[in-house]
Amino acid sequence: MTEPTPRGLPPMELPADLGIVYSNVVRISHSLADFVFDFTHLLPGQESKVEARVVMSPQATKLLLRALLENLSRYEAANGVIQLPGDNSLATDLFRNIHPPE
């Protein structure tokens, strides 16, 4: 199956048996020549193991960062700002579940 690709990228074939990896944690390391992304998922009470490793050149990593920022911006424009833990003020965290009487 060939997927459409944006902006002049070469077509990419997705094999029918391609596995999907869910990740909620990525460990990033680098050398002078490469960036290494180790993807895993953490579940309570279980040890995590690396499910997928992606190695990229510094240039490809910077292009990935640019693409991620652009896509996050589009996502938030369509769906609202993604909230992260710690983004709220102390007052919001303390009083978000308190509603005044009607």
PDB file of N, CA and C in Angstrom:
ATOM      1  N   MET A   1       0.850  -1.176   0.000  1.00  0.00           N
ATOM      2  CA  MET A   1       0.000   0.000   0.000  1.00  0.00           C
ATOM      3  C   MET A   1       0.896   1.239   0.000  1.00  0.00           C
ATOM      4  N   THR A   2       0.695   2.115  -0.945  1.00  0.00           N
ATOM      5  CA  THR A   2       1.487   3.335  -1.018  1.00  0.00           C
ATOM      6  C   THR A   2       0.661   4.491  -0.468  1.00  0.00           C
ATOM      7  N   GLU A   3       1.246   5.216   0.471  1.00  0.00           N
ATOM      8  CA  GLU A   3       0.587   6.347   1.110  1.00  0.00           C
ATOM      9  C   GLU A   3       0.958   7.628   0.366  1.00  0.00           C
ATOM     10  N   PRO A   4       0.012   8.573   0.250  1.00  0.00           N
ATOM     11  CA  PRO A   4       0.381   9.867  -0.328  1.00  0.00           C
ATOM     12  C   PRO A   4       1.340  10.592   0.605  1.00  0.00           C
ATOM     13  N   THR A   5       2.295  11.300   0.027  1.00  0.00           N
ATOM     14  CA  THR A   5       3.266  12.022   0.838  1.00  0.00           C
ATOM     15  C   THR A   5       3.247  13.497   0.468  1.00  0.00           C
ATOM     16  N   PRO A   6       3.421  14.361   1.468  1.00  0.00           N
ATOM     17  CA  PRO A   6       3.347  15.803   1.211  1.00  0.00           C
ATOM     18  C   PRO A   6       4.633  16.372   0.634  1.00  0.00           C
ATOM     19  N   ARG A   7       4.491  17.464  -0.069  1.00  0.00           N
ATOM     20  CA  ARG A   7       5.592  18.338  -0.501  1.00  0.00           C
ATOM     21  C   ARG A   7       6.772  17.644  -1.161  1.00  0.00           C
ATOM     22  N   GLY A   8       6.509  16.825  -2.127  1.00  0.00           N
ATOM     23  CA  GLY A   8       7.591  16.281  -2.925  1.00  0.00           C
ATOM     24  C   GLY A   8       8.416  15.191  -2.278  1.00  0.00           C
ATOM     25  N   LEU A   9       7.973  14.663  -1.143  1.00  0.00           N
ATOM     26  CA  LEU A   9       8.693  13.533  -0.555  1.00  0.00           C
ATOM     27  C   LEU A   9       8.466  12.300  -1.417  1.00  0.00           C
ATOM     28  N   PRO A  10       9.411  11.381  -1.425  1.00  0.00           N
ATOM     29  CA  PRO A  10       9.200  10.177  -2.233  1.00  0.00           C
ATOM     30  C   PRO A  10       8.053   9.347  -1.654  1.00  0.00           C
ATOM     31  N   PRO A  11       7.335   8.606  -2.503  1.00  0.00           N
ATOM     32  CA  PRO A  11       6.264   7.745  -2.003  1.00  0.00           C
ATOM     33  C   PRO A  11       6.834   6.730  -1.006  1.00  0.00           C
ATOM     34  N   MET A  12       6.022   6.382  -0.020  1.00  0.00           N
ATOM     35  CA  MET A  12       6.438   5.406   0.990  1.00  0.00           C
ATOM     36  C   MET A  12       5.480   4.231   0.966  1.00  0.00           C
ATOM     37  N   GLU A  13       6.031   3.046   0.933  1.00  0.00           N
ATOM     38  CA  GLU A  13       5.205   1.847   0.952  1.00  0.00           C
ATOM     39  C   GLU A  13       5.032   1.383   2.393  1.00  0.00           C
ATOM     40  N   LEU A  14       3.802   1.107   2.780  1.00  0.00           N
ATOM     41  CA  LEU A  14       3.517   0.561   4.104  1.00  0.00           C
ATOM     42  C   LEU A  14       3.217  -0.922   3.956  1.00  0.00           C
ATOM     43  N   PRO A  15       4.121  -1.786   4.415  1.00  0.00           N
ATOM     44  CA  PRO A  15       3.864  -3.219   4.312  1.00  0.00           C
ATOM     45  C   PRO A  15       2.603  -3.604   5.085  1.00  0.00           C
ATOM     46  N   ALA A  16       1.862  -4.571   4.576  1.00  0.00           N
ATOM     47  CA  ALA A  16       0.624  -5.009   5.221  1.00  0.00           C
ATOM     48  C   ALA A  16       0.881  -5.539   6.636  1.00  0.00           C
ATOM     49  N   ASP A  17       2.048  -6.097   6.871  1.00  0.00           N
ATOM     50  CA  ASP A  17       2.348  -6.686   8.189  1.00  0.00           C
ATOM     51  C   ASP A  17       3.143  -5.737   9.093  1.00  0.00           C
ATOM     52  N   LEU A  18       3.152  -4.446   8.776  1.00  0.00           N
ATOM     53  CA  LEU A  18       3.882  -3.471   9.577  1.00  0.00           C
ATOM     54  C   LEU A  18       3.313  -3.410  10.980  1.00  0.00           C
ATOM     55  N   GLY A  19       4.156  -3.610  11.983  1.00  0.00           N
ATOM     56  CA  GLY A  19       3.717  -3.542  13.370  1.00  0.00           C
ATOM     57  C   GLY A  19       3.599  -2.107  13.847  1.00  0.00           C
ATOM     58  N   ILE A  20       2.689  -1.880  14.779  1.00  0.00           N
ATOM     59  CA  ILE A  20       2.502  -0.562  15.375  1.00  0.00           C
ATOM     60  C   ILE A  20       3.069  -0.606  16.787  1.00  0.00           C
ATOM     61  N   VAL A  21       3.838   0.403  17.142  1.00  0.00           N
ATOM     62  CA  VAL A  21       4.423   0.505  18.474  1.00  0.00           C
ATOM     63  C   VAL A  21       3.821   1.715  19.169  1.00  0.00           C
ATOM     64  N   TYR A  22       3.212   1.499  20.346  1.00  0.00           N
ATOM     65  CA  TYR A  22       2.713   2.614  21.149  1.00  0.00           C
ATOM     66  C   TYR A  22       3.827   3.040  22.088  1.00  0.00           C
ATOM     67  N   SER A  23       4.047   4.340  22.204  1.00  0.00           N
ATOM     68  CA  SER A  23       5.087   4.859  23.085  1.00  0.00           C
ATOM     69  C   SER A  23       4.563   6.058  23.853  1.00  0.00           C
ATOM     70  N   ASN A  24       4.813   6.069  25.173  1.00  0.00           N
ATOM     71  CA  ASN A  24       4.511   7.271  25.948  1.00  0.00           C
ATOM     72  C   ASN A  24       5.784   7.849  26.565  1.00  0.00           C
ATOM     73  N   VAL A  25       6.929   7.260  26.199  1.00  0.00           N
ATOM     74  CA  VAL A  25       8.228   7.737  26.670  1.00  0.00           C
ATOM     75  C   VAL A  25       9.257   7.523  25.559  1.00  0.00           C
ATOM     76  N   VAL A  26      10.121   8.507  25.374  1.00  0.00           N
ATOM     77  CA  VAL A  26      11.237   8.332  24.452  1.00  0.00           C
ATOM     78  C   VAL A  26      12.504   8.826  25.137  1.00  0.00           C
ATOM     79  N   ARG A  27      13.540   8.020  25.071  1.00  0.00           N
ATOM     80  CA  ARG A  27      14.851   8.420  25.587  1.00  0.00           C
ATOM     81  C   ARG A  27      15.677   8.854  24.377  1.00  0.00           C
ATOM     82  N   ILE A  28      16.258  10.041  24.473  1.00  0.00           N
ATOM     83  CA  ILE A  28      17.017  10.594  23.347  1.00  0.00           C
ATOM     84  C   ILE A  28      18.469  10.747  23.755  1.00  0.00           C
ATOM     85  N   SER A  29      19.353  10.224  22.932  1.00  0.00           N
ATOM     86  CA  SER A  29      20.787  10.411  23.137  1.00  0.00           C
ATOM     87  C   SER A  29      21.395  10.785  21.787  1.00  0.00           C
ATOM     88  N   HIS A  30      22.642  11.214  21.818  1.00  0.00           N
ATOM     89  CA  HIS A  30      23.275  11.597  20.557  1.00  0.00           C
ATOM     90  C   HIS A  30      24.787  11.480  20.644  1.00  0.00           C
ATOM     91  N   SER A  31      25.355  11.332  19.478  1.00  0.00           N
ATOM     92  CA  SER A  31      26.803  11.422  19.300  1.00  0.00           C
ATOM     93  C   SER A  31      27.025  12.566  18.320  1.00  0.00           C
ATOM     94  N   LEU A  32      28.256  12.769  17.917  1.00  0.00           N
ATOM     95  CA  LEU A  32      28.540  13.816  16.937  1.00  0.00           C
ATOM     96  C   LEU A  32      27.820  13.543  15.620  1.00  0.00           C
ATOM     97  N   ALA A  33      27.644  12.259  15.272  1.00  0.00           N
ATOM     98  CA  ALA A  33      27.114  11.894  13.964  1.00  0.00           C
ATOM     99  C   ALA A  33      25.636  11.545  13.941  1.00  0.00           C
ATOM    100  N   ASP A  34      25.045  11.143  15.096  1.00  0.00           N
ATOM    101  CA  ASP A  34      23.691  10.595  15.090  1.00  0.00           C
ATOM    102  C   ASP A  34      22.900  10.996  16.324  1.00  0.00           C
ATOM    103  N   PHE A  35      21.577  11.013  16.161  1.00  0.00           N
ATOM    104  CA  PHE A  35      20.639  11.073  17.276  1.00  0.00           C
ATOM    105  C   PHE A  35      19.983   9.706  17.381  1.00  0.00           C
ATOM    106  N   VAL A  36      19.804   9.221  18.601  1.00  0.00           N
ATOM    107  CA  VAL A  36      19.201   7.917  18.839  1.00  0.00           C
ATOM    108  C   VAL A  36      17.937   8.133  19.674  1.00  0.00           C
ATOM    109  N   PHE A  37      16.815   7.616  19.173  1.00  0.00           N
ATOM    110  CA  PHE A  37      15.528   7.703  19.849  1.00  0.00           C
ATOM    111  C   PHE A  37      15.113   6.287  20.247  1.00  0.00           C
ATOM    112  N   ASP A  38      15.033   6.034  21.548  1.00  0.00           N
ATOM    113  CA  ASP A  38      14.579   4.738  22.066  1.00  0.00           C
ATOM    114  C   ASP A  38      13.159   4.915  22.589  1.00  0.00           C
ATOM    115  N   PHE A  39      12.213   4.257  21.946  1.00  0.00           N
ATOM    116  CA  PHE A  39      10.800   4.384  22.292  1.00  0.00           C
ATOM    117  C   PHE A  39      10.364   3.221  23.173  1.00  0.00           C
ATOM    118  N   THR A  40       9.618   3.546  24.233  1.00  0.00           N
ATOM    119  CA  THR A  40       9.080   2.536  25.134  1.00  0.00           C
ATOM    120  C   THR A  40       7.743   3.039  25.659  1.00  0.00           C
ATOM    121  N   HIS A  41       7.077   2.206  26.431  1.00  0.00           N
ATOM    122  CA  HIS A  41       5.876   2.668  27.129  1.00  0.00           C
ATOM    123  C   HIS A  41       5.958   2.215  28.577  1.00  0.00           C
ATOM    124  N   LEU A  42       5.593   3.127  29.451  1.00  0.00           N
ATOM    125  CA  LEU A  42       5.608   2.847  30.880  1.00  0.00           C
ATOM    126  C   LEU A  42       4.197   2.514  31.342  1.00  0.00           C
ATOM    127  N   LEU A  43       4.092   1.429  32.089  1.00  0.00           N
ATOM    128  CA  LEU A  43       2.842   1.042  32.717  1.00  0.00           C
ATOM    129  C   LEU A  43       3.120   0.836  34.198  1.00  0.00           C
ATOM    130  N   PRO A  44       2.176   1.190  35.059  1.00  0.00           N
ATOM    131  CA  PRO A  44       2.398   1.036  36.499  1.00  0.00           C
ATOM    132  C   PRO A  44       2.746  -0.410  36.867  1.00  0.00           C
ATOM    133  N   GLY A  45       3.795  -0.557  37.665  1.00  0.00           N
ATOM    134  CA  GLY A  45       4.187  -1.874  38.166  1.00  0.00           C
ATOM    135  C   GLY A  45       4.902  -2.770  37.171  1.00  0.00           C
ATOM    136  N   GLN A  46       5.235  -2.257  36.008  1.00  0.00           N
ATOM    137  CA  GLN A  46       5.921  -3.075  35.015  1.00  0.00           C
ATOM    138  C   GLN A  46       7.228  -2.413  34.607  1.00  0.00           C
ATOM    139  N   GLU A  47       8.223  -3.241  34.317  1.00  0.00           N
ATOM    140  CA  GLU A  47       9.470  -2.709  33.776  1.00  0.00           C
ATOM    141  C   GLU A  47       9.258  -2.386  32.300  1.00  0.00           C
ATOM    142  N   SER A  48       9.915  -1.335  31.847  1.00  0.00           N
ATOM    143  CA  SER A  48       9.783  -0.992  30.428  1.00  0.00           C
ATOM    144  C   SER A  48      10.966  -1.556  29.664  1.00  0.00           C
ATOM    145  N   LYS A  49      10.725  -1.861  28.408  1.00  0.00           N
ATOM    146  CA  LYS A  49      11.811  -2.257  27.513  1.00  0.00           C
ATOM    147  C   LYS A  49      11.656  -1.471  26.228  1.00  0.00           C
ATOM    148  N   VAL A  50      12.753  -1.226  25.584  1.00  0.00           N
ATOM    149  CA  VAL A  50      12.727  -0.471  24.334  1.00  0.00           C
ATOM    150  C   VAL A  50      11.983  -1.296  23.288  1.00  0.00           C
ATOM    151  N   GLU A  51      10.956  -0.677  22.704  1.00  0.00           N
ATOM    152  CA  GLU A  51      10.135  -1.341  21.693  1.00  0.00           C
ATOM    153  C   GLU A  51      10.606  -1.015  20.277  1.00  0.00           C
ATOM    154  N   ALA A  52      11.221   0.158  20.126  1.00  0.00           N
ATOM    155  CA  ALA A  52      11.713   0.564  18.807  1.00  0.00           C
ATOM    156  C   ALA A  52      12.847   1.556  18.999  1.00  0.00           C
ATOM    157  N   ARG A  53      13.843   1.477  18.143  1.00  0.00           N
ATOM    158  CA  ARG A  53      14.962   2.415  18.145  1.00  0.00           C
ATOM    159  C   ARG A  53      15.057   3.031  16.758  1.00  0.00           C
ATOM    160  N   VAL A  54      15.134   4.373  16.734  1.00  0.00           N
ATOM    161  CA  VAL A  54      15.289   5.101  15.474  1.00  0.00           C
ATOM    162  C   VAL A  54      16.572   5.909  15.576  1.00  0.00           C
ATOM    163  N   VAL A  55      17.437   5.783  14.588  1.00  0.00           N
ATOM    164  CA  VAL A  55      18.696   6.522  14.534  1.00  0.00           C
ATOM    165  C   VAL A  55      18.627   7.459  13.339  1.00  0.00           C
ATOM    166  N   MET A  56      18.926   8.751  13.590  1.00  0.00           N
ATOM    167  CA  MET A  56      18.831   9.761  12.542  1.00  0.00           C
ATOM    168  C   MET A  56      20.056  10.653  12.560  1.00  0.00           C
ATOM    169  N   SER A  57      20.369  11.220  11.409  1.00  0.00           N
ATOM    170  CA  SER A  57      21.436  12.206  11.329  1.00  0.00           C
ATOM    171  C   SER A  57      20.979  13.487  12.020  1.00  0.00           C
ATOM    172  N   PRO A  58      21.919  14.353  12.425  1.00  0.00           N
ATOM    173  CA  PRO A  58      21.507  15.626  13.019  1.00  0.00           C
ATOM    174  C   PRO A  58      20.604  16.447  12.092  1.00  0.00           C
ATOM    175  N   GLN A  59      20.890  16.450  10.798  1.00  0.00           N
ATOM    176  CA  GLN A  59      20.064  17.204   9.859  1.00  0.00           C
ATOM    177  C   GLN A  59      18.654  16.627   9.788  1.00  0.00           C
ATOM    178  N   ALA A  60      18.534  15.316   9.711  1.00  0.00           N
ATOM    179  CA  ALA A  60      17.215  14.682   9.666  1.00  0.00           C
ATOM    180  C   ALA A  60      16.459  14.926  10.966  1.00  0.00           C
ATOM    181  N   THR A  61      17.170  14.940  12.088  1.00  0.00           N
ATOM    182  CA  THR A  61      16.541  15.211  13.378  1.00  0.00           C
ATOM    183  C   THR A  61      15.988  16.627  13.413  1.00  0.00           C
ATOM    184  N   LYS A  62      16.736  17.573  12.897  1.00  0.00           N
ATOM    185  CA  LYS A  62      16.263  18.964  12.880  1.00  0.00           C
ATOM    186  C   LYS A  62      15.053  19.109  11.962  1.00  0.00           C
ATOM    187  N   LEU A  63      15.057  18.404  10.832  1.00  0.00           N
ATOM    188  CA  LEU A  63      13.894  18.420   9.948  1.00  0.00           C
ATOM    189  C   LEU A  63      12.686  17.765  10.619  1.00  0.00           C
ATOM    190  N   LEU A  64      12.921  16.699  11.374  1.00  0.00           N
ATOM    191  CA  LEU A  64      11.841  16.058  12.133  1.00  0.00           C
ATOM    192  C   LEU A  64      11.262  17.037  13.147  1.00  0.00           C
ATOM    193  N   LEU A  65      12.125  17.736  13.875  1.00  0.00           N
ATOM    194  CA  LEU A  65      11.667  18.726  14.850  1.00  0.00           C
ATOM    195  C   LEU A  65      10.803  19.791  14.171  1.00  0.00           C
ATOM    196  N   ARG A  66      11.249  20.268  13.042  1.00  0.00           N
ATOM    197  CA  ARG A  66      10.488  21.287  12.302  1.00  0.00           C
ATOM    198  C   ARG A  66       9.118  20.735  11.891  1.00  0.00           C
ATOM    199  N   ALA A  67       9.097  19.503  11.399  1.00  0.00           N
ATOM    200  CA  ALA A  67       7.831  18.886  10.978  1.00  0.00           C
ATOM    201  C   ALA A  67       6.907  18.661  12.177  1.00  0.00           C
ATOM    202  N   LEU A  68       7.460  18.241  13.305  1.00  0.00           N
ATOM    203  CA  LEU A  68       6.649  18.040  14.516  1.00  0.00           C
ATOM    204  C   LEU A  68       6.045  19.360  14.995  1.00  0.00           C
ATOM    205  N   LEU A  69       6.853  20.427  15.024  1.00  0.00           N
ATOM    206  CA  LEU A  69       6.347  21.732  15.454  1.00  0.00           C
ATOM    207  C   LEU A  69       5.232  22.225  14.537  1.00  0.00           C
ATOM    208  N   GLU A  70       5.417  22.054  13.236  1.00  0.00           N
ATOM    209  CA  GLU A  70       4.404  22.482  12.272  1.00  0.00           C
ATOM    210  C   GLU A  70       3.110  21.688  12.457  1.00  0.00           C
ATOM    211  N   ASN A  71       3.231  20.368  12.633  1.00  0.00           N
ATOM    212  CA  ASN A  71       2.051  19.533  12.790  1.00  0.00           C
ATOM    213  C   ASN A  71       1.356  19.753  14.131  1.00  0.00           C
ATOM    214  N   LEU A  72       2.117  19.979  15.194  1.00  0.00           N
ATOM    215  CA  LEU A  72       1.507  20.308  16.487  1.00  0.00           C
ATOM    216  C   LEU A  72       0.742  21.621  16.399  1.00  0.00           C
ATOM    217  N   SER A  73       1.299  22.583  15.708  1.00  0.00           N
ATOM    218  CA  SER A  73       0.633  23.866  15.529  1.00  0.00           C
ATOM    219  C   SER A  73      -0.696  23.691  14.795  1.00  0.00           C
ATOM    220  N   ARG A  74      -0.701  22.902  13.727  1.00  0.00           N
ATOM    221  CA  ARG A  74      -1.938  22.627  12.991  1.00  0.00           C
ATOM    222  C   ARG A  74      -2.948  21.892  13.861  1.00  0.00           C
ATOM    223  N   TYR A  75      -2.481  20.907  14.627  1.00  0.00           N
ATOM    224  CA  TYR A  75      -3.351  20.131  15.510  1.00  0.00           C
ATOM    225  C   TYR A  75      -4.016  21.047  16.528  1.00  0.00           C
ATOM    226  N   GLU A  76      -3.207  21.908  17.178  1.00  0.00           N
ATOM    227  CA  GLU A  76      -3.760  22.799  18.199  1.00  0.00           C
ATOM    228  C   GLU A  76      -4.692  23.841  17.595  1.00  0.00           C
ATOM    229  N   ALA A  77      -4.425  24.282  16.385  1.00  0.00           N
ATOM    230  CA  ALA A  77      -5.325  25.228  15.723  1.00  0.00           C
ATOM    231  C   ALA A  77      -6.685  24.581  15.480  1.00  0.00           C
ATOM    232  N   ALA A  78      -6.698  23.296  15.183  1.00  0.00           N
ATOM    233  CA  ALA A  78      -7.951  22.592  14.896  1.00  0.00           C
ATOM    234  C   ALA A  78      -8.634  22.064  16.152  1.00  0.00           C
ATOM    235  N   ASN A  79      -7.847  21.693  17.184  1.00  0.00           N
ATOM    236  CA  ASN A  79      -8.399  20.968  18.323  1.00  0.00           C
ATOM    237  C   ASN A  79      -8.212  21.643  19.669  1.00  0.00           C
ATOM    238  N   GLY A  80      -7.549  22.752  19.718  1.00  0.00           N
ATOM    239  CA  GLY A  80      -7.290  23.431  20.986  1.00  0.00           C
ATOM    240  C   GLY A  80      -5.902  23.087  21.504  1.00  0.00           C
ATOM    241  N   VAL A  81      -5.454  23.908  22.451  1.00  0.00           N
ATOM    242  CA  VAL A  81      -4.103  23.766  23.002  1.00  0.00           C
ATOM    243  C   VAL A  81      -3.992  22.472  23.803  1.00  0.00           C
ATOM    244  N   ILE A  82      -2.922  21.752  23.602  1.00  0.00           N
ATOM    245  CA  ILE A  82      -2.635  20.536  24.361  1.00  0.00           C
ATOM    246  C   ILE A  82      -2.097  20.959  25.720  1.00  0.00           C
ATOM    247  N   GLN A  83      -2.785  20.555  26.771  1.00  0.00           N
ATOM    248  CA  GLN A  83      -2.363  20.903  28.126  1.00  0.00           C
ATOM    249  C   GLN A  83      -1.349  19.886  28.637  1.00  0.00           C
ATOM    250  N   LEU A  84      -0.302  20.366  29.250  1.00  0.00           N
ATOM    251  CA  LEU A  84       0.708  19.512  29.861  1.00  0.00           C
ATOM    252  C   LEU A  84       0.656  19.683  31.371  1.00  0.00           C
ATOM    253  N   PRO A  85       1.011  18.642  32.129  1.00  0.00           N
ATOM    254  CA  PRO A  85       1.053  18.799  33.584  1.00  0.00           C
ATOM    255  C   PRO A  85       1.985  19.951  33.941  1.00  0.00           C
ATOM    256  N   GLY A  86       1.528  20.793  34.871  1.00  0.00           N
ATOM    257  CA  GLY A  86       2.343  21.925  35.286  1.00  0.00           C
ATOM    258  C   GLY A  86       2.115  23.185  34.484  1.00  0.00           C
ATOM    259  N   ASP A  87       1.288  23.108  33.411  1.00  0.00           N
ATOM    260  CA  ASP A  87       1.000  24.292  32.610  1.00  0.00           C
ATOM    261  C   ASP A  87       0.046  25.254  33.310  1.00  0.00           C
ATOM    262  N   ASN A  88      -0.758  24.734  34.229  1.00  0.00           N
ATOM    263  CA  ASN A  88      -1.764  25.561  34.894  1.00  0.00           C
ATOM    264  C   ASN A  88      -1.153  26.361  36.036  1.00  0.00           C
ATOM    265  N   SER A  89      -1.861  27.395  36.416  1.00  0.00           N
ATOM    266  CA  SER A  89      -1.457  28.154  37.595  1.00  0.00           C
ATOM    267  C   SER A  89      -1.843  27.360  38.836  1.00  0.00           C
ATOM    268  N   LEU A  90      -1.275  27.704  39.966  1.00  0.00           N
ATOM    269  CA  LEU A  90      -1.608  27.042  41.224  1.00  0.00           C
ATOM    270  C   LEU A  90      -3.095  27.180  41.520  1.00  0.00           C
ATOM    271  N   ALA A  91      -3.666  28.358  41.288  1.00  0.00           N
ATOM    272  CA  ALA A  91      -5.093  28.576  41.539  1.00  0.00           C
ATOM    273  C   ALA A  91      -5.943  27.634  40.687  1.00  0.00           C
ATOM    274  N   THR A  92      -5.589  27.475  39.419  1.00  0.00           N
ATOM    275  CA  THR A  92      -6.341  26.573  38.552  1.00  0.00           C
ATOM    276  C   THR A  92      -6.246  25.142  39.065  1.00  0.00           C
ATOM    277  N   ASP A  93      -5.052  24.697  39.438  1.00  0.00           N
ATOM    278  CA  ASP A  93      -4.894  23.343  39.961  1.00  0.00           C
ATOM    279  C   ASP A  93      -5.697  23.133  41.241  1.00  0.00           C
ATOM    280  N   LEU A  94      -5.702  24.141  42.131  1.00  0.00           N
ATOM    281  CA  LEU A  94      -6.389  24.003  43.419  1.00  0.00           C
ATOM    282  C   LEU A  94      -7.905  24.072  43.287  1.00  0.00           C
ATOM    283  N   PHE A  95      -8.410  24.902  42.391  1.00  0.00           N
ATOM    284  CA  PHE A  95      -9.838  25.192  42.376  1.00  0.00           C
ATOM    285  C   PHE A  95     -10.577  24.715  41.133  1.00  0.00           C
ATOM    286  N   ARG A  96      -9.960  23.938  40.277  1.00  0.00           N
ATOM    287  CA  ARG A  96     -10.618  23.556  39.027  1.00  0.00           C
ATOM    288  C   ARG A  96     -11.865  22.704  39.241  1.00  0.00           C
ATOM    289  N   ASN A  97     -11.931  21.932  40.335  1.00  0.00           N
ATOM    290  CA  ASN A  97     -13.092  21.085  40.573  1.00  0.00           C
ATOM    291  C   ASN A  97     -14.125  21.733  41.466  1.00  0.00           C
ATOM    292  N   ILE A  98     -13.923  22.980  41.857  1.00  0.00           N
ATOM    293  CA  ILE A  98     -14.874  23.679  42.689  1.00  0.00           C
ATOM    294  C   ILE A  98     -15.749  24.548  41.813  1.00  0.00           C
ATOM    295  N   HIS A  99     -17.052  24.326  41.918  1.00  0.00           N
ATOM    296  CA  HIS A  99     -18.001  25.083  41.113  1.00  0.00           C
ATOM    297  C   HIS A  99     -18.909  25.869  42.056  1.00  0.00           C
ATOM    298  N   PRO A 100     -19.150  27.144  41.779  1.00  0.00           N
ATOM    299  CA  PRO A 100     -20.028  27.937  42.643  1.00  0.00           C
ATOM    300  C   PRO A 100     -21.451  27.408  42.592  1.00  0.00           C
ATOM    301  N   PRO A 101     -22.207  27.589  43.686  1.00  0.00           N
ATOM    302  CA  PRO A 101     -23.601  27.126  43.679  1.00  0.00           C
ATOM    303  C   PRO A 101     -24.416  27.916  42.651  1.00  0.00           C
ATOM    304  N   GLU A 102     -25.391  27.262  42.096  1.00  0.00           N
ATOM    305  CA  GLU A 102     -26.242  27.917  41.091  1.00  0.00           C
ATOM    306  C   GLU A 102     -27.447  28.554  41.710  1.00  0.00           C
TER     307      GLU A 102
END
